[in-house]
Amino acid sequence: MGVVTRHEINERIEQDRDSALECSLGELAQKETIEAYPGEPLRVVVYRMAEKDGDANAGRGS
């Protein structure tokens, strides 16, 4: 399971239309997602997203 946004689809089409039209949604999908639960404060979700993004960027130069 994963998530694909309209922006990501459009971006992929702009980069390489022929290739984008041949790939599956599974290839485009972001597999690592953040879960948010009903009643959970948005602040908590945003912090979780920032923490996960920080983990993904660990070791990369600025």
C-alpha atoms as a PDB file:
ATOM      1  CA  MET A   1       0.000   0.000   0.000  1.00  0.00           C
ATOM      2  CA  GLY A   2       1.148   3.531  -0.615  1.00  0.00           C
ATOM      3  CA  VAL A   3       0.167   7.087  -1.474  1.00  0.00           C
ATOM      4  CA  VAL A   4       0.312   8.895  -4.821  1.00  0.00           C
ATOM      5  CA  THR A   5      -0.561  12.567  -5.120  1.00  0.00           C
ATOM      6  CA  ARG A   6      -1.781  14.321  -8.232  1.00  0.00           C
ATOM      7  CA  HIS A   7       1.302  16.544  -8.008  1.00  0.00           C
ATOM      8  CA  GLU A   8       3.615  13.504  -8.112  1.00  0.00           C
ATOM      9  CA  ILE A   9       1.808  12.107 -11.155  1.00  0.00           C
ATOM     10  CA  ASN A  10       2.003  15.433 -12.988  1.00  0.00           C
ATOM     11  CA  GLU A  11       5.661  15.867 -12.043  1.00  0.00           C
ATOM     12  CA  ARG A  12       6.511  12.395 -13.367  1.00  0.00           C
ATOM     13  CA  ILE A  13       4.664  13.108 -16.643  1.00  0.00           C
ATOM     14  CA  GLU A  14       6.557  16.395 -17.063  1.00  0.00           C
ATOM     15  CA  GLN A  15       9.903  14.623 -16.499  1.00  0.00           C
ATOM     16  CA  ASP A  16       9.337  11.801 -18.974  1.00  0.00           C
ATOM     17  CA  ARG A  17       5.863  11.439 -20.427  1.00  0.00           C
ATOM     18  CA  ASP A  18       6.421   8.136 -22.263  1.00  0.00           C
ATOM     19  CA  SER A  19       8.000   6.447 -19.253  1.00  0.00           C
ATOM     20  CA  ALA A  20       5.341   7.812 -16.887  1.00  0.00           C
ATOM     21  CA  LEU A  21       2.517   6.466 -19.020  1.00  0.00           C
ATOM     22  CA  GLU A  22       4.066   2.985 -18.967  1.00  0.00           C
ATOM     23  CA  CYS A  23       4.667   2.693 -15.206  1.00  0.00           C
ATOM     24  CA  SER A  24       2.181   1.410 -12.647  1.00  0.00           C
ATOM     25  CA  LEU A  25       0.810   3.353  -9.692  1.00  0.00           C
ATOM     26  CA  GLY A  26       2.707   0.957  -7.449  1.00  0.00           C
ATOM     27  CA  GLU A  27       5.951   2.248  -8.920  1.00  0.00           C
ATOM     28  CA  LEU A  28       4.967   5.844  -8.154  1.00  0.00           C
ATOM     29  CA  ALA A  29       3.548   5.227  -4.689  1.00  0.00           C
ATOM     30  CA  GLN A  30       5.292   6.481  -1.574  1.00  0.00           C
ATOM     31  CA  LYS A  31       5.539   3.348   0.549  1.00  0.00           C
ATOM     32  CA  GLU A  32       6.640   5.061   3.748  1.00  0.00           C
ATOM     33  CA  THR A  33       3.680   6.973   5.104  1.00  0.00           C
ATOM     34  CA  ILE A  34       2.762   8.642   8.377  1.00  0.00           C
ATOM     35  CA  GLU A  35      -0.416   7.574  10.130  1.00  0.00           C
ATOM     36  CA  ALA A  36      -2.712  10.076  11.794  1.00  0.00           C
ATOM     37  CA  TYR A  37      -5.493   8.984  14.121  1.00  0.00           C
ATOM     38  CA  PRO A  38      -8.903  10.546  14.796  1.00  0.00           C
ATOM     39  CA  GLY A  39      -8.708  12.950  17.701  1.00  0.00           C
ATOM     40  CA  GLU A  40      -4.917  13.194  17.485  1.00  0.00           C
ATOM     41  CA  PRO A  41      -3.677  16.814  17.583  1.00  0.00           C
ATOM     42  CA  LEU A  42      -2.294  18.049  14.274  1.00  0.00           C
ATOM     43  CA  ARG A  43       0.825  19.241  16.114  1.00  0.00           C
ATOM     44  CA  VAL A  44       1.646  15.651  17.087  1.00  0.00           C
ATOM     45  CA  VAL A  45       1.236  14.454  13.495  1.00  0.00           C
ATOM     46  CA  VAL A  46       3.388  17.291  12.135  1.00  0.00           C
ATOM     47  CA  TYR A  47       6.155  16.518  14.635  1.00  0.00           C
ATOM     48  CA  ARG A  48       6.002  12.844  13.636  1.00  0.00           C
ATOM     49  CA  MET A  49       6.297  13.829   9.964  1.00  0.00           C
ATOM     50  CA  ALA A  50       9.263  16.106  10.673  1.00  0.00           C
ATOM     51  CA  GLU A  51      10.973  13.391  12.693  1.00  0.00           C
ATOM     52  CA  LYS A  52      10.545  10.828   9.934  1.00  0.00           C
ATOM     53  CA  ASP A  53      11.723  13.319   7.287  1.00  0.00           C
ATOM     54  CA  GLY A  54      14.756  14.032   9.452  1.00  0.00           C
ATOM     55  CA  ASP A  55      15.512  10.311   9.617  1.00  0.00           C
ATOM     56  CA  ALA A  56      15.246  10.039   5.830  1.00  0.00           C
ATOM     57  CA  ASN A  57      17.656  12.966   5.373  1.00  0.00           C
ATOM     58  CA  ALA A  58      20.170  11.859   8.002  1.00  0.00           C
ATOM     59  CA  GLY A  59      23.686  11.941   6.642  1.00  0.00           C
ATOM     60  CA  ARG A  60      22.838  14.157   3.674  1.00  0.00           C
ATOM     61  CA  GLY A  61      24.708  17.420   3.239  1.00  0.00           C
ATOM     62  CA  SER A  62      22.767  20.669   3.434  1.00  0.00           C
END
